[in-house]
Protein backbone atom coordinates (compact mmCIF):
# COMPACT_ATOMS: atom_id res chain seq x y z
CA MET A 1 -78.82 -45.17 -11.51
CA ASP A 2 -80.21 -41.95 -12.22
CA SER A 3 -78.75 -39.30 -14.14
CA PHE A 4 -77.11 -37.31 -11.40
CA GLU A 5 -75.72 -40.12 -9.59
CA PHE A 6 -73.68 -41.16 -13.18
CA ASN A 7 -72.56 -37.43 -13.69
CA LYS A 8 -70.96 -37.61 -10.34
CA PHE A 9 -69.30 -40.96 -11.13
CA ALA A 10 -68.18 -39.63 -14.45
CA GLY A 11 -66.87 -36.44 -12.82
CA ALA A 12 -64.78 -38.40 -10.46
CA ILE A 13 -63.29 -40.69 -12.77
CA LEU A 14 -62.58 -37.54 -15.20
CA LEU A 15 -60.91 -35.75 -12.21
CA THR A 16 -58.97 -38.69 -11.12
CA LEU A 17 -57.50 -39.02 -14.95
CA LEU A 18 -56.63 -35.46 -15.10
CA VAL A 19 -54.60 -35.68 -11.36
CA THR A 20 -52.87 -38.64 -12.81
CA LEU A 21 -51.90 -37.04 -15.98
CA GLY A 22 -50.70 -33.95 -14.34
CA VAL A 23 -48.47 -35.58 -11.95
CA SER A 24 -47.03 -37.93 -14.65
CA ILE A 25 -46.16 -35.01 -16.84
CA LEU A 26 -45.01 -33.02 -13.65
CA ALA A 27 -42.43 -36.02 -12.56
CA GLU A 28 -41.44 -36.22 -16.28
CA GLU A 29 -40.38 -32.67 -16.30
CA LEU A 30 -38.44 -32.91 -13.16
CA TYR A 31 -36.71 -36.29 -13.57
CA THR A 32 -35.86 -36.04 -17.09
CA ALA A 33 -31.86 -35.50 -17.51
CA HIS A 34 -31.15 -32.56 -19.83
CA THR A 35 -28.28 -32.53 -22.30
CA PRO A 36 -26.16 -29.23 -21.55
CA GLU A 37 -25.30 -27.44 -24.83
CA LYS A 38 -21.51 -27.80 -23.86
CA PRO A 39 -20.29 -31.18 -22.49
CA GLY A 40 -18.45 -30.92 -19.19
CA TYR A 41 -18.46 -28.49 -16.28
CA GLU A 42 -17.36 -24.74 -16.44
CA VAL A 43 -14.70 -23.85 -13.81
CA ALA A 44 -14.68 -20.17 -12.94
CA VAL A 45 -10.93 -19.14 -13.02
CA ALA A 46 -10.28 -15.40 -11.58
CA GLU A 47 -8.57 -13.18 -14.24
CA GLU A 48 -5.83 -11.20 -13.04
CA GLU A 49 -5.88 -7.49 -13.60
CA ALA A 50 -3.37 -6.27 -15.98
CA GLY A 51 -2.84 -3.38 -13.84
CA GLU A 52 -2.37 -5.51 -10.80
CA ALA A 53 0.29 -7.42 -12.70
CA GLU A 54 2.24 -4.81 -13.86
CA ALA A 55 2.34 -3.07 -10.29
CA GLU A 56 3.90 -6.22 -8.59
CA ALA A 57 6.38 -6.10 -11.45
CA GLU A 58 7.32 -2.42 -11.10
CA GLU A 59 10.77 -1.49 -11.49
CA VAL A 60 12.83 -0.40 -8.65
CA VAL A 61 14.40 3.08 -9.37
CA PRO A 62 17.81 3.63 -7.93
CA LEU A 63 17.57 6.49 -5.21
CA GLY A 64 20.25 8.25 -7.07
CA VAL A 65 18.17 8.38 -10.21
CA LEU A 66 15.32 9.87 -8.26
CA LEU A 67 17.11 12.41 -6.50
CA ALA A 68 18.75 13.67 -9.69
CA SER A 69 15.25 14.43 -10.90
CA ALA A 70 13.66 15.43 -7.34
CA ASP A 71 12.15 18.83 -6.94
CA VAL A 72 12.98 21.13 -4.00
CA GLN A 73 9.87 23.40 -4.10
CA ARG A 74 7.74 20.37 -4.15
CA GLY A 75 9.50 18.69 -1.43
CA GLU A 76 9.35 21.99 0.68
CA ALA A 77 5.68 21.98 0.22
CA GLN A 78 5.60 18.60 1.94
CA ALA A 79 7.96 19.58 4.56
CA ARG A 80 5.33 22.31 5.69
CA LYS A 81 3.20 19.47 7.02
CA CYS A 82 5.72 18.48 9.41
CA VAL A 83 6.22 22.10 11.11
CA ALA A 84 3.94 20.93 14.31
CA CYS A 85 6.70 18.45 15.28
CA HIS A 86 9.97 20.02 13.69
CA THR A 87 11.78 23.12 12.93
CA PHE A 88 14.19 23.54 9.99
CA ASP A 89 15.74 26.41 10.25
CA GLU A 90 19.66 26.79 11.68
CA GLY A 91 19.36 26.66 15.64
CA GLY A 92 15.89 26.08 15.73
CA ALA A 93 14.41 24.61 18.69
CA ASN A 94 13.36 21.04 19.10
CA LYS A 95 9.65 20.39 19.53
CA VAL A 96 8.12 16.96 19.44
CA GLY A 97 10.64 15.73 17.11
CA PRO A 98 14.43 17.08 16.61
CA ASN A 99 15.39 20.31 14.77
CA LEU A 100 16.24 19.07 11.02
CA TRP A 101 18.96 21.47 10.13
CA GLU A 102 21.82 19.66 8.89
CA ILE A 103 19.69 16.12 9.21
CA VAL A 104 21.33 14.75 6.11
CA GLY A 105 24.71 13.25 7.18
CA ARG A 106 24.11 13.43 11.16
CA THR A 107 24.47 10.85 13.35
CA ILE A 108 21.21 9.06 14.41
CA ALA A 109 19.82 10.20 17.71
CA SER A 110 22.52 12.89 18.14
CA HIS A 111 20.79 16.30 18.26
CA GLU A 112 21.75 18.10 21.01
CA GLY A 113 18.96 18.57 23.95
CA PHE A 114 16.59 16.18 22.11
CA SER A 115 15.17 13.18 23.90
CA TYR A 116 15.16 9.95 21.63
CA SER A 117 13.52 6.76 22.08
CA ALA A 118 15.58 4.07 23.14
CA ALA A 119 15.14 2.30 19.66
CA MET A 120 16.57 5.40 17.88
CA ARG A 121 19.36 5.64 20.31
CA GLU A 122 20.37 1.84 19.82
CA HIS A 123 19.75 1.93 15.83
CA VAL A 124 22.52 0.85 13.71
CA ASN A 125 22.02 -0.94 10.65
CA ALA A 126 24.04 -1.85 7.15
CA GLU A 127 24.43 1.83 6.37
CA GLY A 128 25.81 2.62 9.67
CA ASN A 129 24.41 4.92 12.37
CA THR A 130 24.20 8.15 9.96
CA TRP A 131 21.22 9.61 8.47
CA THR A 132 22.59 8.93 4.83
CA TYR A 133 20.18 9.36 1.89
CA GLU A 134 19.60 5.96 1.93
CA ASN A 135 18.75 5.64 5.50
CA LEU A 136 16.55 8.68 5.65
CA ASP A 137 14.92 7.25 2.44
CA HIS A 138 14.05 3.75 3.90
CA PHE A 139 13.02 5.37 7.21
CA LEU A 140 10.55 7.56 5.62
CA ALA A 141 9.02 4.85 3.78
CA ASN A 142 8.37 3.01 6.74
CA PRO A 143 9.61 3.78 9.87
CA ARG A 144 8.71 0.89 12.01
CA GLU A 145 10.16 -1.59 9.46
CA PHE A 146 13.43 0.37 9.46
CA MET A 147 13.44 1.04 13.00
CA PRO A 148 11.62 -1.42 14.90
CA GLY A 149 10.28 0.28 18.41
CA THR A 150 10.46 3.65 17.22
CA ALA A 151 8.34 6.01 18.70
CA MET A 152 7.30 7.32 15.19
CA ALA A 153 3.76 6.69 14.55
CA PHE A 154 3.56 7.42 10.94
CA ALA A 155 2.86 4.43 8.65
CA GLY A 156 5.47 5.75 6.02
CA LEU A 157 5.67 8.20 2.92
CA ARG A 158 5.09 5.28 -0.01
CA ARG A 159 5.83 7.35 -3.25
CA ALA A 160 9.39 7.03 -3.49
CA ASP A 161 9.26 10.37 -6.21
CA GLU A 162 7.81 12.22 -2.93
CA ARG A 163 10.21 10.80 -0.71
CA ALA A 164 12.96 11.92 -3.32
CA ASP A 165 11.40 15.26 -3.48
CA LEU A 166 11.70 15.78 0.32
CA LEU A 167 15.29 14.58 0.64
CA ALA A 168 16.00 17.21 -1.77
CA TYR A 169 14.59 19.90 0.44
CA LEU A 170 16.36 18.44 3.13
CA GLN A 171 19.59 18.60 1.62
CA THR A 172 19.39 22.35 1.40
CA LEU A 173 19.10 22.45 5.17
CA SER A 174 22.62 22.82 5.62
CA SER A 175 25.92 25.34 5.33
CA ASN A 176 27.58 22.39 3.69
CA PRO A 177 25.10 20.20 1.84
CA VAL A 178 25.73 16.48 1.22
CA PRO A 179 26.04 15.24 -2.49
CA PHE A 180 23.47 13.23 -3.72
CA PRO A 181 24.32 9.45 -4.57
CA ALA A 182 25.46 9.23 -8.42
CA ALA A 183 22.44 8.55 -10.43
CA ASP A 184 24.44 5.62 -12.15
CA ASP A 185 25.09 4.05 -8.55
CA ALA A 186 22.29 1.35 -8.48
CA ALA A 187 24.48 -0.67 -5.96
CA GLY A 188 25.31 2.16 -3.32
CA SER A 189 21.49 3.19 -3.37
CA GLY A 190 20.12 -0.49 -3.14
CA GLY A 191 17.09 1.06 -5.05
CA ALA A 192 14.30 3.06 -3.45
CA PRO A 193 11.44 1.17 -2.06
CA ALA A 194 8.70 0.47 -4.46
CA ALA A 195 5.95 3.19 -4.90
CA ALA A 196 2.54 2.68 -3.42
CA GLU A 197 0.01 4.89 -2.32
CA THR A 198 0.52 8.78 -1.13
CA ALA A 199 1.03 9.49 2.33
CA ALA A 200 1.72 12.86 4.23
CA PRO A 201 5.57 13.30 5.12
CA PRO A 202 6.44 11.79 8.75
CA THR A 203 8.30 13.73 11.42
CA THR A 204 11.71 12.14 12.21
CA GLN A 205 12.48 11.26 15.85
């Protein structure tokens, strides 16, 4: 065997050894069990945000308490967003919604000359068929929940303090304003629906 043939034979053997060694190292790396730093499995647990928990447990404030600190001017400013559908002055015309002069204490669906929806005409609840502060508050919070089938398309005014401001303004629209419920009369008010997001005041139909 000449030197060239010998070099080819030795190179083949060397290459085979190198490939075998590489495969062995790779297999050992892939299949060797690695001991974790901490025994057991980590289970991801979603942590409840403190703010969300507090919001869910938010105390319900009686309507009488909210009305006692309500601001008429803020309420009037909100009511200006409703002028496309309502008038507020005594003897004012009906528009898309009825005139709201003396709305507090008025029998529901009773304003002369306005064509109410069937849901509004037929509505009676635990507070009767009168627009009490409590009924107005609940209606403004969520019209469709308070009166299923109402033609009111507005989703609701979620913040209880803003509803109280609007109710304080509506109280002034009368020659004989209806007194607010007592601030300490939690049972009578039933509490105002919990506050959530801010929205524009709706129209009352």
